[in-house]
């Protein structure tokens, strides 16, 4: 069974603590996000949150790492 590479969830901003937003998801779980990502946030705001796995970026990063490792092997003597 293949799982989706993204999720959508509804959450409510429970409160703001210093530089952190405390969200409460529909299932009651809470999680924090730096307020710098959502500076206009206010307690009580309802939001939709989408989290998507970025396969392309991961592939590019893995290719850069492989290239750097290859260069390091050539330098090692």
C-alpha atoms as a PDB file:
ATOM      1  CA  UNK A   1       0.000   0.000   0.000  1.00  0.00           C
ATOM      2  CA  UNK A   2       1.413   3.390  -1.036  1.00  0.00           C
ATOM      3  CA  UNK A   3       0.946   6.369   1.242  1.00  0.00           C
ATOM      4  CA  UNK A   4       0.197   9.885   0.069  1.00  0.00           C
ATOM      5  CA  UNK A   5       3.112  12.292  -0.208  1.00  0.00           C
ATOM      6  CA  UNK A   6       1.072  15.123   1.284  1.00  0.00           C
ATOM      7  CA  UNK A   7      -1.466  15.727   4.008  1.00  0.00           C
ATOM      8  CA  UNK A   8      -3.958  18.497   4.684  1.00  0.00           C
ATOM      9  CA  UNK A   9      -5.193  19.236   8.172  1.00  0.00           C
ATOM     10  CA  UNK A  10      -7.365  21.787   9.890  1.00  0.00           C
ATOM     11  CA  UNK A  11      -6.036  23.410  13.035  1.00  0.00           C
ATOM     12  CA  UNK A  12      -6.793  26.272  15.382  1.00  0.00           C
ATOM     13  CA  UNK A  13      -4.222  28.639  16.817  1.00  0.00           C
ATOM     14  CA  UNK A  14      -4.605  27.846  20.494  1.00  0.00           C
ATOM     15  CA  UNK A  15      -2.222  30.543  21.676  1.00  0.00           C
ATOM     16  CA  UNK A  16       1.008  32.377  20.964  1.00  0.00           C
ATOM     17  CA  UNK A  17       3.859  31.840  23.402  1.00  0.00           C
ATOM     18  CA  UNK A  18       6.724  34.241  22.763  1.00  0.00           C
ATOM     19  CA  UNK A  19       8.079  33.439  19.309  1.00  0.00           C
ATOM     20  CA  UNK A  20       5.978  30.269  18.937  1.00  0.00           C
ATOM     21  CA  UNK A  21       2.463  29.591  17.672  1.00  0.00           C
ATOM     22  CA  UNK A  22       0.748  26.692  19.425  1.00  0.00           C
ATOM     23  CA  UNK A  23      -1.644  24.932  17.053  1.00  0.00           C
ATOM     24  CA  UNK A  24      -4.287  22.398  18.005  1.00  0.00           C
ATOM     25  CA  UNK A  25      -5.223  19.949  15.250  1.00  0.00           C
ATOM     26  CA  UNK A  26      -8.686  18.440  14.825  1.00  0.00           C
ATOM     27  CA  UNK A  27      -7.624  15.276  16.656  1.00  0.00           C
ATOM     28  CA  UNK A  28      -6.549  17.305  19.704  1.00  0.00           C
ATOM     29  CA  UNK A  29      -2.805  17.031  19.175  1.00  0.00           C
ATOM     30  CA  UNK A  30      -0.814  20.215  19.551  1.00  0.00           C
ATOM     31  CA  UNK A  31       2.325  21.357  17.790  1.00  0.00           C
ATOM     32  CA  UNK A  32       4.438  24.497  17.709  1.00  0.00           C
ATOM     33  CA  UNK A  33       5.645  26.524  14.736  1.00  0.00           C
ATOM     34  CA  UNK A  34       7.902  29.588  14.876  1.00  0.00           C
ATOM     35  CA  UNK A  35       5.804  32.738  14.535  1.00  0.00           C
ATOM     36  CA  UNK A  36       8.253  33.956  11.861  1.00  0.00           C
ATOM     37  CA  UNK A  37       6.471  31.581   9.440  1.00  0.00           C
ATOM     38  CA  UNK A  38       3.068  33.156  10.106  1.00  0.00           C
ATOM     39  CA  UNK A  39       3.585  36.624  11.657  1.00  0.00           C
ATOM     40  CA  UNK A  40      -0.036  37.718  11.205  1.00  0.00           C
ATOM     41  CA  UNK A  41      -1.300  34.819  13.359  1.00  0.00           C
ATOM     42  CA  UNK A  42      -3.739  35.466  16.176  1.00  0.00           C
ATOM     43  CA  UNK A  43      -5.148  33.175  18.827  1.00  0.00           C
ATOM     44  CA  UNK A  44      -8.396  31.599  17.664  1.00  0.00           C
ATOM     45  CA  UNK A  45      -7.536  31.718  13.944  1.00  0.00           C
ATOM     46  CA  UNK A  46      -8.603  28.618  12.016  1.00  0.00           C
ATOM     47  CA  UNK A  47      -6.087  27.445   9.429  1.00  0.00           C
ATOM     48  CA  UNK A  48      -5.538  24.734   6.836  1.00  0.00           C
ATOM     49  CA  UNK A  49      -2.056  23.239   6.931  1.00  0.00           C
ATOM     50  CA  UNK A  50      -0.574  21.305   4.030  1.00  0.00           C
ATOM     51  CA  UNK A  51       2.595  19.263   4.402  1.00  0.00           C
ATOM     52  CA  UNK A  52       4.067  17.917   1.187  1.00  0.00           C
ATOM     53  CA  UNK A  53       7.065  15.676   0.737  1.00  0.00           C
ATOM     54  CA  UNK A  54       9.425  17.266  -1.823  1.00  0.00           C
ATOM     55  CA  UNK A  55      10.836  14.297  -3.746  1.00  0.00           C
ATOM     56  CA  UNK A  56      12.542  16.475  -6.365  1.00  0.00           C
ATOM     57  CA  UNK A  57      14.490  18.455  -3.781  1.00  0.00           C
ATOM     58  CA  UNK A  58      15.496  15.243  -2.020  1.00  0.00           C
ATOM     59  CA  UNK A  59      16.757  13.768  -5.294  1.00  0.00           C
ATOM     60  CA  UNK A  60      18.786  16.917  -6.083  1.00  0.00           C
ATOM     61  CA  UNK A  61      20.324  16.876  -2.612  1.00  0.00           C
ATOM     62  CA  UNK A  62      21.261  13.203  -2.897  1.00  0.00           C
ATOM     63  CA  UNK A  63      22.896  13.869  -6.295  1.00  0.00           C
ATOM     64  CA  UNK A  64      24.952  16.772  -4.846  1.00  0.00           C
ATOM     65  CA  UNK A  65      26.091  14.589  -1.962  1.00  0.00           C
ATOM     66  CA  UNK A  66      27.082  11.763  -4.324  1.00  0.00           C
ATOM     67  CA  UNK A  67      29.071  14.235  -6.433  1.00  0.00           C
ATOM     68  CA  UNK A  68      30.881  15.613  -3.377  1.00  0.00           C
ATOM     69  CA  UNK A  69      31.692  12.098  -2.166  1.00  0.00           C
ATOM     70  CA  UNK A  70      33.065  11.254  -5.589  1.00  0.00           C
ATOM     71  CA  UNK A  71      35.331  14.318  -5.476  1.00  0.00           C
ATOM     72  CA  UNK A  72      36.516  13.409  -1.992  1.00  0.00           C
ATOM     73  CA  UNK A  73      37.451   9.895  -3.136  1.00  0.00           C
ATOM     74  CA  UNK A  74      39.581  11.374  -5.917  1.00  0.00           C
ATOM     75  CA  UNK A  75      41.424  13.611  -3.427  1.00  0.00           C
ATOM     76  CA  UNK A  76      42.143  10.780  -0.972  1.00  0.00           C
ATOM     77  CA  UNK A  77      45.439   9.143  -1.898  1.00  0.00           C
END
